[in-house]
Amino acid sequence: MNSNRAFPAAPLRRQAGLSLLGLLLAAVVVVVVALVGLRVVPSALEYRAIVSAVNKVGSSGANTPRDVQVAFDRFAAVDDIRSIAGKDLQVERQADGTMAVSFQYEKRIPLYGPASLVIDYHGSNRVR
């Protein structure tokens, strides 16, 4: 008695999945993205601190451009902001009596050898 006749042969299907080479390539991509992300996150956090400090300057009671710069320097010292200082802020008095405070700076993040990532940051706010 032949057991093959009792049970029909199952059709052969090609297995689908991730090969070892595919797994290694995916791991390399994930590691590269993670390393770039780890280098960019501190810069992005500092940018958010700068935006927050510029927004706080509006509630500090600054009346002159020099007062705005000094107030920013105080907030920058607390938040450990090193990319820009109060003297780097552009402060312009508007016709309605408010002051427009803006900033712009470039952050260069070295990645590997001669390769760098350059990020241009800018922002602005109105001060009463």
C-alpha atoms as a PDB file:
ATOM      1  CA  MET A   1       0.000   0.000   0.000  1.00  0.00           C
ATOM      2  CA  ASN A   2       1.342   3.335  -1.044  1.00  0.00           C
ATOM      3  CA  SER A   3       0.709   6.202   1.386  1.00  0.00           C
ATOM      4  CA  ASN A   4       0.910   8.821  -1.347  1.00  0.00           C
ATOM      5  CA  ARG A   5      -2.438   7.759  -2.742  1.00  0.00           C
ATOM      6  CA  ALA A   6      -4.243   8.303   0.538  1.00  0.00           C
ATOM      7  CA  PHE A   7      -3.166  11.919   0.830  1.00  0.00           C
ATOM      8  CA  PRO A   8      -2.789  14.085  -2.244  1.00  0.00           C
ATOM      9  CA  ALA A   9       0.534  15.871  -2.528  1.00  0.00           C
ATOM     10  CA  ALA A  10       0.448  19.484  -1.366  1.00  0.00           C
ATOM     11  CA  PRO A  11       1.392  21.959  -4.045  1.00  0.00           C
ATOM     12  CA  LEU A  12       4.869  23.398  -3.567  1.00  0.00           C
ATOM     13  CA  ARG A  13       4.783  27.088  -2.758  1.00  0.00           C
ATOM     14  CA  ARG A  14       7.718  29.421  -2.687  1.00  0.00           C
ATOM     15  CA  GLN A  15       8.298  30.758   0.801  1.00  0.00           C
ATOM     16  CA  ALA A  16       8.066  34.503   1.184  1.00  0.00           C
ATOM     17  CA  GLY A  17      10.152  36.332   3.722  1.00  0.00           C
ATOM     18  CA  LEU A  18      13.221  38.423   4.367  1.00  0.00           C
ATOM     19  CA  SER A  19      16.548  37.019   3.283  1.00  0.00           C
ATOM     20  CA  LEU A  20      19.724  37.469   5.303  1.00  0.00           C
ATOM     21  CA  LEU A  21      21.027  40.004   2.795  1.00  0.00           C
ATOM     22  CA  GLY A  22      17.763  41.932   2.946  1.00  0.00           C
ATOM     23  CA  LEU A  23      17.887  41.903   6.736  1.00  0.00           C
ATOM     24  CA  LEU A  24      21.446  43.250   6.745  1.00  0.00           C
ATOM     25  CA  LEU A  25      20.601  46.014   4.279  1.00  0.00           C
ATOM     26  CA  ALA A  26      17.538  47.009   6.302  1.00  0.00           C
ATOM     27  CA  ALA A  27      19.674  47.070   9.478  1.00  0.00           C
ATOM     28  CA  VAL A  28      22.265  49.324   7.813  1.00  0.00           C
ATOM     29  CA  VAL A  29      19.560  51.761   6.700  1.00  0.00           C
ATOM     30  CA  VAL A  30      18.023  51.839  10.191  1.00  0.00           C
ATOM     31  CA  VAL A  31      21.427  52.440  11.819  1.00  0.00           C
ATOM     32  CA  VAL A  32      22.318  55.278   9.404  1.00  0.00           C
ATOM     33  CA  VAL A  33      18.948  56.983   9.950  1.00  0.00           C
ATOM     34  CA  ALA A  34      19.305  56.590  13.733  1.00  0.00           C
ATOM     35  CA  LEU A  35      22.828  58.065  13.754  1.00  0.00           C
ATOM     36  CA  VAL A  36      21.771  61.075  11.681  1.00  0.00           C
ATOM     37  CA  GLY A  37      18.728  61.509  13.910  1.00  0.00           C
ATOM     38  CA  LEU A  38      20.847  61.436  17.055  1.00  0.00           C
ATOM     39  CA  ARG A  39      22.999  64.225  15.642  1.00  0.00           C
ATOM     40  CA  VAL A  40      20.066  66.373  14.483  1.00  0.00           C
ATOM     41  CA  VAL A  41      17.866  66.137  17.614  1.00  0.00           C
ATOM     42  CA  PRO A  42      20.060  68.370  19.855  1.00  0.00           C
ATOM     43  CA  SER A  43      20.128  71.046  17.152  1.00  0.00           C
ATOM     44  CA  ALA A  44      16.350  70.894  16.750  1.00  0.00           C
ATOM     45  CA  LEU A  45      15.865  71.107  20.527  1.00  0.00           C
ATOM     46  CA  GLU A  46      18.103  74.166  20.673  1.00  0.00           C
ATOM     47  CA  TYR A  47      16.068  75.763  17.862  1.00  0.00           C
ATOM     48  CA  ARG A  48      12.870  75.181  19.868  1.00  0.00           C
ATOM     49  CA  ALA A  49      14.559  76.794  22.897  1.00  0.00           C
ATOM     50  CA  ILE A  50      15.502  79.824  20.760  1.00  0.00           C
ATOM     51  CA  VAL A  51      11.925  80.177  19.498  1.00  0.00           C
ATOM     52  CA  SER A  52      10.685  79.912  23.084  1.00  0.00           C
ATOM     53  CA  ALA A  53      13.171  82.564  24.267  1.00  0.00           C
ATOM     54  CA  VAL A  54      12.133  84.949  21.468  1.00  0.00           C
ATOM     55  CA  ASN A  55       8.486  84.412  22.445  1.00  0.00           C
ATOM     56  CA  LYS A  56       9.303  85.079  26.132  1.00  0.00           C
ATOM     57  CA  VAL A  57      11.026  88.339  25.217  1.00  0.00           C
ATOM     58  CA  GLY A  58       7.613  89.688  24.246  1.00  0.00           C
ATOM     59  CA  SER A  59       6.333  89.278  27.790  1.00  0.00           C
ATOM     60  CA  SER A  60       9.503  90.615  29.445  1.00  0.00           C
ATOM     61  CA  GLY A  61       8.520  94.268  29.049  1.00  0.00           C
ATOM     62  CA  ALA A  62      11.347  95.191  26.674  1.00  0.00           C
ATOM     63  CA  ASN A  63      10.842  98.657  25.139  1.00  0.00           C
ATOM     64  CA  THR A  64      13.973  99.180  23.043  1.00  0.00           C
ATOM     65  CA  PRO A  65      15.922  96.926  20.684  1.00  0.00           C
ATOM     66  CA  ARG A  66      18.765  96.798  23.227  1.00  0.00           C
ATOM     67  CA  ASP A  67      16.284  95.692  25.951  1.00  0.00           C
ATOM     68  CA  VAL A  68      15.107  92.895  23.644  1.00  0.00           C
ATOM     69  CA  GLN A  69      18.683  91.703  23.110  1.00  0.00           C
ATOM     70  CA  VAL A  70      19.502  91.790  26.826  1.00  0.00           C
ATOM     71  CA  ALA A  71      16.284  89.932  27.691  1.00  0.00           C
ATOM     72  CA  PHE A  72      17.096  87.300  25.072  1.00  0.00           C
ATOM     73  CA  ASP A  73      20.591  86.857  26.518  1.00  0.00           C
ATOM     74  CA  ARG A  74      19.070  86.231  29.958  1.00  0.00           C
ATOM     75  CA  PHE A  75      16.716  83.561  28.583  1.00  0.00           C
ATOM     76  CA  ALA A  76      19.561  82.086  26.506  1.00  0.00           C
ATOM     77  CA  ALA A  77      21.726  81.701  29.606  1.00  0.00           C
ATOM     78  CA  VAL A  78      18.968  79.783  31.381  1.00  0.00           C
ATOM     79  CA  ASP A  79      18.200  77.526  28.394  1.00  0.00           C
ATOM     80  CA  ASP A  80      21.896  77.012  27.476  1.00  0.00           C
ATOM     81  CA  ILE A  81      21.525  78.482  23.973  1.00  0.00           C
ATOM     82  CA  ARG A  82      24.907  78.766  22.262  1.00  0.00           C
ATOM     83  CA  SER A  83      24.128  79.090  18.555  1.00  0.00           C
ATOM     84  CA  ILE A  84      23.047  82.735  18.652  1.00  0.00           C
ATOM     85  CA  ALA A  85      23.192  85.639  21.091  1.00  0.00           C
ATOM     86  CA  GLY A  86      21.107  88.740  21.624  1.00  0.00           C
ATOM     87  CA  LYS A  87      23.343  90.750  19.270  1.00  0.00           C
ATOM     88  CA  ASP A  88      22.402  88.336  16.456  1.00  0.00           C
ATOM     89  CA  LEU A  89      18.701  89.229  16.678  1.00  0.00           C
ATOM     90  CA  GLN A  90      17.289  91.647  14.114  1.00  0.00           C
ATOM     91  CA  VAL A  91      14.955  94.010  15.951  1.00  0.00           C
ATOM     92  CA  GLU A  92      12.886  96.501  13.931  1.00  0.00           C
ATOM     93  CA  ARG A  93      10.330  98.951  15.252  1.00  0.00           C
ATOM     94  CA  GLN A  94       7.049  98.746  13.317  1.00  0.00           C
ATOM     95  CA  ALA A  95       4.670 101.599  12.463  1.00  0.00           C
ATOM     96  CA  ASP A  96       2.062 100.314  14.952  1.00  0.00           C
ATOM     97  CA  GLY A  97       4.509 100.636  17.873  1.00  0.00           C
ATOM     98  CA  THR A  98       5.448  96.969  18.098  1.00  0.00           C
ATOM     99  CA  MET A  99       8.888  95.547  17.405  1.00  0.00           C
ATOM    100  CA  ALA A 100       9.553  92.674  15.023  1.00  0.00           C
ATOM    101  CA  VAL A 101      12.218  90.312  16.360  1.00  0.00           C
ATOM    102  CA  SER A 102      13.705  87.848  13.908  1.00  0.00           C
ATOM    103  CA  PHE A 103      16.700  85.547  13.782  1.00  0.00           C
ATOM    104  CA  GLN A 104      18.457  83.414  11.241  1.00  0.00           C
ATOM    105  CA  TYR A 105      21.424  81.095  11.629  1.00  0.00           C
ATOM    106  CA  GLU A 106      23.042  78.082  10.041  1.00  0.00           C
ATOM    107  CA  LYS A 107      23.957  74.908  11.898  1.00  0.00           C
ATOM    108  CA  ARG A 108      26.576  72.593  10.374  1.00  0.00           C
ATOM    109  CA  ILE A 109      26.507  69.040  11.733  1.00  0.00           C
ATOM    110  CA  PRO A 110      29.511  66.867  10.809  1.00  0.00           C
ATOM    111  CA  LEU A 111      28.441  63.354   9.810  1.00  0.00           C
ATOM    112  CA  TYR A 112      31.407  61.371   8.537  1.00  0.00           C
ATOM    113  CA  GLY A 113      34.696  62.571   7.089  1.00  0.00           C
ATOM    114  CA  PRO A 114      34.038  65.478   4.727  1.00  0.00           C
ATOM    115  CA  ALA A 115      30.248  64.956   4.769  1.00  0.00           C
ATOM    116  CA  SER A 116      28.201  67.446   6.783  1.00  0.00           C
ATOM    117  CA  LEU A 117      24.544  68.257   7.200  1.00  0.00           C
ATOM    118  CA  VAL A 118      23.706  71.973   7.004  1.00  0.00           C
ATOM    119  CA  ILE A 119      20.421  73.204   8.475  1.00  0.00           C
ATOM    120  CA  ASP A 120      19.198  76.784   8.043  1.00  0.00           C
ATOM    121  CA  TYR A 121      17.068  77.947  10.954  1.00  0.00           C
ATOM    122  CA  HIS A 122      15.013  81.152  11.053  1.00  0.00           C
ATOM    123  CA  GLY A 123      12.092  82.550  12.980  1.00  0.00           C
ATOM    124  CA  SER A 124      10.391  85.758  14.069  1.00  0.00           C
ATOM    125  CA  ASN A 125       7.958  87.217  16.567  1.00  0.00           C
ATOM    126  CA  ARG A 126       6.363  90.560  17.389  1.00  0.00           C
ATOM    127  CA  VAL A 127       7.112  92.273  20.698  1.00  0.00           C
ATOM    128  CA  ARG A 128       4.728  94.835  22.187  1.00  0.00           C
END
